[in-house]
Structures are given as structure tokens and as C-alpha cells.
Amino acid sequence: MRHHRVEKWESRLDELLKQVDHALEDEYGHLFAVHPARPQRGVTANPQHDGLFRVTASFSPGFGSELGRGYVLQLDLVTLEKVPQAKLERIQKKAVSLIQDGLERVLPGRGLKVQRDGNVWKIVGDLSLKPIRAES
């Protein structure tokens, strides 16, 4: 059983990541063929389960990490095609920018930032369970 504030916090983050998934599909979804075992965009109720992109985040306690605890972002292109490194980096940069821009909107007053932590992108900042401003 998880605390209701954790559920609410992660639900807001998940909605942002779904919006980012849609934006990436709109802009880049035509560039590569979707993996043959994956449904085409819009077939499932959750954009993380269909289309070219899968944008997720999972909590990490940060052991051995330079930045400590946070939410590690997973930005996947689900294709069998070879994705050129430069294009992959451009898509990741766009995703990170969209996530950073949306964090204050969905989780206000926490000073959350998306930063590189070794070879992964991570959301770091105030991860406390204090009420989100709109709830107060």
C-alpha cells in the first residue's frame, strides 16, 4: 500500500509524461517504423503502450548517484530501425525540454529540474510529500 500523496504526485508526473509522449509522436512519430510487435499510436488507452515513443519515469533512491534521489527518465524509441545518434540526441533534448517546462505546472513550488546524472536523465528537487499548492 502506498501513501495517497505519492499516488497523486506520481499521477501528475505520469500525465505530464503522457503529454510529452503525444508531443514527440506529433513531431517525430513519422521518422521511424514502430516495432512490429507494438501497437500503432492511439490503439491503447495509454500512449506509453503504443506508438513510436515510450516516456516513463521511475523513482531511484540515488545510491551511488551524484545527484541523489529522483525520478529517472526513460525515453525510448520503440523501433527496429537504426536511429542516428544525432537524431536521438535531438529527440531527447526536446523531450527533456518539454518535461522541464511542464514540471512547474503539474508539480508547482518544488523547484524540480531535469538534469543529467551520469548517463541518465533524472528529475531532481523537492520530492517531499507536502501538499501540492492547489491542494492546500
Protein backbone atom coordinates (compact mmCIF):
# COMPACT_ATOMS: atom_id res chain seq x y z
CA MET A 1 0.00 0.00 0.00
CA ARG A 2 1.33 3.42 -0.95
CA HIS A 3 0.68 6.81 0.56
CA HIS A 4 -2.11 8.72 -1.22
CA ARG A 5 0.19 11.73 -1.74
CA VAL A 6 2.74 9.53 -3.52
CA GLU A 7 -0.08 8.29 -5.76
CA LYS A 8 -1.22 11.85 -6.50
CA TRP A 9 2.35 13.10 -7.09
CA GLU A 10 3.17 10.27 -9.47
CA SER A 11 -0.19 10.58 -11.22
CA ARG A 12 0.55 14.23 -12.03
CA LEU A 13 4.03 13.33 -13.27
CA ASP A 14 2.59 10.49 -15.36
CA GLU A 15 0.08 12.84 -17.02
CA LEU A 16 2.93 15.18 -17.96
CA LEU A 17 4.91 12.29 -19.43
CA LYS A 18 1.87 11.23 -21.49
CA GLN A 19 1.60 14.79 -22.85
CA VAL A 20 5.29 14.68 -23.77
CA ASP A 21 4.76 11.31 -25.46
CA HIS A 22 1.97 12.83 -27.58
CA ALA A 23 4.11 15.85 -28.49
CA LEU A 24 7.01 13.62 -29.54
CA GLU A 25 4.67 11.44 -31.62
CA ASP A 26 3.29 14.56 -33.33
CA GLU A 27 6.73 15.91 -34.18
CA TYR A 28 8.84 12.79 -34.76
CA GLY A 29 6.47 9.81 -34.96
CA HIS A 30 6.70 9.62 -38.74
CA LEU A 31 10.51 9.29 -38.84
CA PHE A 32 10.79 5.59 -37.95
CA ALA A 33 8.62 2.50 -38.23
CA VAL A 34 7.08 1.32 -34.97
CA HIS A 35 8.36 -2.07 -33.76
CA PRO A 36 6.17 -4.75 -35.39
CA ALA A 37 5.12 -6.18 -32.00
CA ARG A 38 3.98 -2.77 -30.73
CA PRO A 39 0.54 -1.29 -31.45
CA GLN A 40 0.34 1.80 -33.62
CA ARG A 41 -0.24 5.16 -31.95
CA GLY A 42 -3.66 5.58 -30.39
CA VAL A 43 -4.59 1.90 -30.27
CA THR A 44 -4.26 1.56 -26.49
CA ALA A 45 -5.65 3.76 -23.72
CA ASN A 46 -2.13 4.67 -22.60
CA PRO A 47 0.35 6.30 -25.02
CA GLN A 48 3.20 4.63 -23.15
CA HIS A 49 1.98 1.32 -24.59
CA ASP A 50 1.65 2.25 -28.26
CA GLY A 51 3.32 4.29 -30.96
CA LEU A 52 6.99 5.02 -31.50
CA PHE A 53 7.74 6.59 -28.12
CA ARG A 54 7.64 5.37 -24.54
CA VAL A 55 8.29 8.11 -21.97
CA THR A 56 8.33 6.92 -18.35
CA ALA A 57 9.94 7.74 -15.02
CA SER A 58 10.75 5.59 -12.03
CA PHE A 59 11.89 6.58 -8.57
CA SER A 60 15.51 5.96 -7.66
CA PRO A 61 16.83 6.36 -4.10
CA GLY A 62 20.05 7.56 -5.71
CA PHE A 63 22.58 5.25 -4.10
CA GLY A 64 25.90 5.79 -5.86
CA SER A 65 24.45 8.72 -7.76
CA GLU A 66 25.95 12.18 -7.98
CA LEU A 67 22.55 13.89 -7.74
CA GLY A 68 20.94 11.58 -5.18
CA ARG A 69 17.32 10.54 -5.22
CA GLY A 70 15.00 11.44 -8.04
CA TYR A 71 12.93 10.08 -10.88
CA VAL A 72 14.99 8.50 -13.65
CA LEU A 73 13.52 9.24 -17.06
CA GLN A 74 13.28 6.52 -19.65
CA LEU A 75 12.96 7.96 -23.17
CA ASP A 76 12.61 5.05 -25.61
CA LEU A 77 12.07 4.87 -29.35
CA VAL A 78 10.38 1.52 -29.92
CA THR A 79 11.64 0.59 -33.39
CA LEU A 80 13.87 -1.96 -35.05
CA GLU A 81 15.43 0.75 -37.22
CA LYS A 82 18.86 2.19 -36.51
CA VAL A 83 18.35 5.66 -35.06
CA PRO A 84 21.22 8.03 -35.85
CA GLN A 85 22.86 9.31 -32.66
CA ALA A 86 22.42 12.97 -33.63
CA LYS A 87 18.68 12.48 -34.20
CA LEU A 88 18.32 10.53 -30.94
CA GLU A 89 20.05 13.34 -29.03
CA ARG A 90 17.80 15.96 -30.68
CA ILE A 91 14.68 13.99 -29.71
CA GLN A 92 15.95 13.51 -26.14
CA LYS A 93 16.74 17.23 -25.87
CA LYS A 94 13.19 18.06 -27.00
CA ALA A 95 11.69 15.58 -24.52
CA VAL A 96 13.78 16.93 -21.65
CA SER A 97 12.80 20.49 -22.56
CA LEU A 98 9.09 19.60 -22.63
CA ILE A 99 9.34 17.80 -19.29
CA GLN A 100 11.26 20.67 -17.68
CA ASP A 101 8.73 23.20 -18.99
CA GLY A 102 5.80 21.18 -17.61
CA LEU A 103 7.13 20.33 -14.15
CA GLU A 104 6.23 23.65 -12.52
CA ARG A 105 2.74 23.44 -14.00
CA VAL A 106 1.96 19.91 -12.73
CA LEU A 107 4.03 19.98 -9.51
CA PRO A 108 4.26 23.67 -8.56
CA GLY A 109 6.56 25.20 -5.97
CA ARG A 110 9.05 22.35 -5.79
CA GLY A 111 11.90 23.68 -7.90
CA LEU A 112 12.10 20.43 -9.85
CA LYS A 113 14.73 20.19 -12.57
CA VAL A 114 15.69 17.66 -15.21
CA GLN A 115 19.43 17.03 -15.05
CA ARG A 116 21.97 14.56 -16.36
CA ASP A 117 23.09 12.08 -13.71
CA GLY A 118 25.81 10.02 -15.31
CA ASN A 119 24.28 8.57 -18.45
CA VAL A 120 20.62 9.05 -17.45
CA TRP A 121 18.23 11.98 -17.21
CA LYS A 122 16.75 12.48 -13.77
CA ILE A 123 14.09 14.72 -12.21
CA VAL A 124 15.56 16.12 -9.01
CA GLY A 125 14.50 18.70 -6.45
CA ASP A 126 11.90 18.78 -3.69
CA LEU A 127 10.36 15.30 -3.80
CA SER A 128 8.65 15.70 -0.43
CA LEU A 129 5.05 14.68 0.10
CA LYS A 130 3.89 18.09 1.30
CA PRO A 131 0.57 19.06 -0.28
CA ILE A 132 0.77 20.42 -3.81
CA ARG A 133 -0.13 24.12 -3.78
CA ALA A 134 -3.52 23.60 -5.43
CA GLU A 135 -4.44 21.14 -2.64
CA SER A 136 -3.68 23.46 0.27
